[in-house]
């Protein structure tokens, strides 16, 4: 699974950005609620990306 996600990470990032854009445009009231978890989640993802640590070891 890790090899697959590393090979396709650009597409995963692009789809995630487009999904976030779609939610932001169609449900603007939801963006205020999701804003509270944005920075901690982004910090965890950046940490996992640069240290190559499995997300299950960080979040579980």
N, C-alpha and C. Protein backbone atom coordinates (compact mmCIF):
# COMPACT_ATOMS: atom_id res chain seq x y z
N UNK A 1 0.83 -1.20 0.00
CA UNK A 1 0.00 0.00 0.00
C UNK A 1 0.87 1.26 0.00
N UNK A 2 1.95 1.23 0.77
CA UNK A 2 2.81 2.42 0.85
C UNK A 2 3.42 2.74 -0.51
N UNK A 3 3.87 1.73 -1.23
CA UNK A 3 4.44 1.98 -2.56
C UNK A 3 3.41 2.57 -3.51
N UNK A 4 2.19 2.07 -3.44
CA UNK A 4 1.13 2.58 -4.31
C UNK A 4 0.85 4.05 -4.00
N UNK A 5 0.73 4.39 -2.71
CA UNK A 5 0.44 5.79 -2.36
C UNK A 5 1.59 6.71 -2.72
N UNK A 6 2.83 6.23 -2.60
CA UNK A 6 3.96 7.07 -2.98
C UNK A 6 3.99 7.30 -4.49
N UNK A 7 3.62 6.30 -5.26
CA UNK A 7 3.61 6.47 -6.72
C UNK A 7 2.49 7.40 -7.17
N UNK A 8 1.40 7.41 -6.46
CA UNK A 8 0.22 8.18 -6.88
C UNK A 8 -0.06 9.37 -5.97
N UNK A 9 0.91 9.81 -5.20
CA UNK A 9 0.64 10.87 -4.24
C UNK A 9 0.27 12.20 -4.88
N UNK A 10 0.78 12.49 -6.05
CA UNK A 10 0.41 13.74 -6.72
C UNK A 10 -1.06 13.76 -7.07
N UNK A 11 -1.56 12.63 -7.56
CA UNK A 11 -2.99 12.55 -7.90
C UNK A 11 -3.86 12.57 -6.65
N UNK A 12 -3.39 11.95 -5.59
CA UNK A 12 -4.14 11.95 -4.33
C UNK A 12 -4.24 13.38 -3.79
N UNK A 13 -3.12 14.11 -3.84
CA UNK A 13 -3.13 15.51 -3.39
C UNK A 13 -4.05 16.36 -4.25
N UNK A 14 -4.00 16.18 -5.56
CA UNK A 14 -4.85 16.97 -6.45
C UNK A 14 -6.32 16.68 -6.19
N UNK A 15 -6.68 15.43 -6.05
CA UNK A 15 -8.08 15.08 -5.77
C UNK A 15 -8.53 15.61 -4.41
N UNK A 16 -7.64 15.60 -3.44
CA UNK A 16 -7.98 16.14 -2.12
C UNK A 16 -8.21 17.65 -2.19
N UNK A 17 -7.38 18.34 -2.94
CA UNK A 17 -7.55 19.79 -3.09
C UNK A 17 -8.87 20.10 -3.79
N UNK A 18 -9.16 19.35 -4.84
CA UNK A 18 -10.43 19.57 -5.57
C UNK A 18 -11.64 19.25 -4.69
N UNK A 19 -11.54 18.20 -3.88
CA UNK A 19 -12.64 17.87 -2.97
C UNK A 19 -12.84 18.98 -1.95
N UNK A 20 -11.75 19.52 -1.41
CA UNK A 20 -11.85 20.63 -0.47
C UNK A 20 -12.43 21.88 -1.11
N UNK A 21 -12.06 22.14 -2.34
CA UNK A 21 -12.62 23.27 -3.07
C UNK A 21 -14.11 23.10 -3.29
N UNK A 22 -14.52 21.90 -3.66
CA UNK A 22 -15.95 21.62 -3.89
C UNK A 22 -16.76 21.80 -2.61
N UNK A 23 -16.23 21.30 -1.50
CA UNK A 23 -16.94 21.47 -0.22
C UNK A 23 -17.00 22.94 0.15
N UNK A 24 -15.91 23.66 -0.03
CA UNK A 24 -15.89 25.08 0.32
C UNK A 24 -16.84 25.92 -0.51
N UNK A 25 -17.01 25.57 -1.77
CA UNK A 25 -17.91 26.33 -2.63
C UNK A 25 -19.38 25.97 -2.43
N UNK A 26 -19.65 24.70 -2.13
CA UNK A 26 -21.04 24.26 -2.04
C UNK A 26 -21.60 24.32 -0.62
N UNK A 27 -20.74 24.28 0.38
CA UNK A 27 -21.19 24.34 1.77
C UNK A 27 -20.29 25.27 2.58
N UNK A 28 -20.42 26.58 2.35
CA UNK A 28 -19.51 27.52 3.02
C UNK A 28 -19.65 27.52 4.54
N UNK A 29 -20.81 27.14 5.08
CA UNK A 29 -20.97 27.10 6.53
C UNK A 29 -20.15 25.97 7.16
N UNK A 30 -19.87 24.92 6.39
CA UNK A 30 -19.07 23.82 6.91
C UNK A 30 -17.61 24.20 7.04
N UNK A 31 -17.14 25.14 6.24
CA UNK A 31 -15.73 25.50 6.28
C UNK A 31 -15.34 26.10 7.63
N UNK A 32 -16.24 26.82 8.27
CA UNK A 32 -15.93 27.41 9.58
C UNK A 32 -15.73 26.31 10.62
N UNK A 33 -16.51 25.24 10.54
CA UNK A 33 -16.37 24.14 11.49
C UNK A 33 -15.10 23.34 11.23
N UNK A 34 -14.75 23.17 9.96
CA UNK A 34 -13.57 22.39 9.62
C UNK A 34 -12.27 23.17 9.82
N UNK A 35 -12.37 24.48 9.92
CA UNK A 35 -11.18 25.32 10.09
C UNK A 35 -10.45 25.00 11.39
N UNK A 36 -11.17 24.55 12.40
CA UNK A 36 -10.56 24.25 13.70
C UNK A 36 -9.62 23.05 13.63
N UNK A 37 -9.85 22.12 12.73
CA UNK A 37 -9.01 20.92 12.63
C UNK A 37 -7.98 21.02 11.52
N UNK A 38 -8.01 22.10 10.75
CA UNK A 38 -7.12 22.22 9.60
C UNK A 38 -5.65 22.20 9.98
N UNK A 39 -5.23 23.08 10.88
CA UNK A 39 -3.81 23.22 11.18
C UNK A 39 -3.23 22.02 11.92
N UNK A 40 -3.92 21.44 12.90
CA UNK A 40 -3.36 20.22 13.51
C UNK A 40 -3.25 19.07 12.51
N UNK A 41 -4.24 18.90 11.65
CA UNK A 41 -4.20 17.85 10.64
C UNK A 41 -3.07 18.10 9.64
N UNK A 42 -2.94 19.32 9.19
CA UNK A 42 -1.87 19.66 8.26
C UNK A 42 -0.49 19.44 8.88
N UNK A 43 -0.35 19.80 10.13
CA UNK A 43 0.92 19.57 10.82
C UNK A 43 1.26 18.08 10.91
N UNK A 44 0.27 17.26 11.22
CA UNK A 44 0.50 15.82 11.29
C UNK A 44 0.85 15.23 9.94
N UNK A 45 0.17 15.68 8.91
CA UNK A 45 0.46 15.17 7.57
C UNK A 45 1.84 15.59 7.08
N UNK A 46 2.22 16.82 7.35
CA UNK A 46 3.56 17.27 6.96
C UNK A 46 4.65 16.52 7.73
N UNK A 47 4.40 16.28 9.01
CA UNK A 47 5.36 15.51 9.80
C UNK A 47 5.53 14.10 9.22
N UNK A 48 4.41 13.46 8.90
CA UNK A 48 4.47 12.11 8.35
C UNK A 48 5.14 12.10 6.98
N UNK A 49 4.90 13.12 6.19
CA UNK A 49 5.49 13.19 4.86
C UNK A 49 7.00 13.32 4.93
N UNK A 50 7.49 14.22 5.75
CA UNK A 50 8.92 14.49 5.76
C UNK A 50 9.74 13.50 6.57
N UNK A 51 9.11 12.83 7.54
CA UNK A 51 9.85 11.86 8.34
C UNK A 51 9.63 10.43 7.87
N UNK A 52 8.71 10.23 6.92
CA UNK A 52 8.38 8.90 6.40
C UNK A 52 7.87 7.97 7.51
N UNK A 53 7.16 8.54 8.48
CA UNK A 53 6.56 7.77 9.56
C UNK A 53 5.15 7.40 9.15
N UNK A 54 4.74 6.19 9.44
CA UNK A 54 3.39 5.74 9.11
C UNK A 54 2.36 6.56 9.90
N UNK A 55 1.29 6.95 9.26
CA UNK A 55 0.26 7.74 9.93
C UNK A 55 -0.37 6.98 11.09
N UNK A 56 -0.42 5.66 11.01
CA UNK A 56 -1.00 4.90 12.12
C UNK A 56 -0.13 5.00 13.37
N UNK A 57 1.15 5.22 13.21
CA UNK A 57 2.03 5.39 14.37
C UNK A 57 1.88 6.78 14.98
N UNK A 58 1.38 7.74 14.20
CA UNK A 58 1.23 9.10 14.71
C UNK A 58 -0.14 9.28 15.39
N UNK A 59 -1.20 8.87 14.68
CA UNK A 59 -2.55 9.17 15.12
C UNK A 59 -3.19 8.08 15.98
N UNK A 60 -2.64 6.89 16.02
CA UNK A 60 -3.27 5.83 16.83
C UNK A 60 -2.43 5.48 18.02
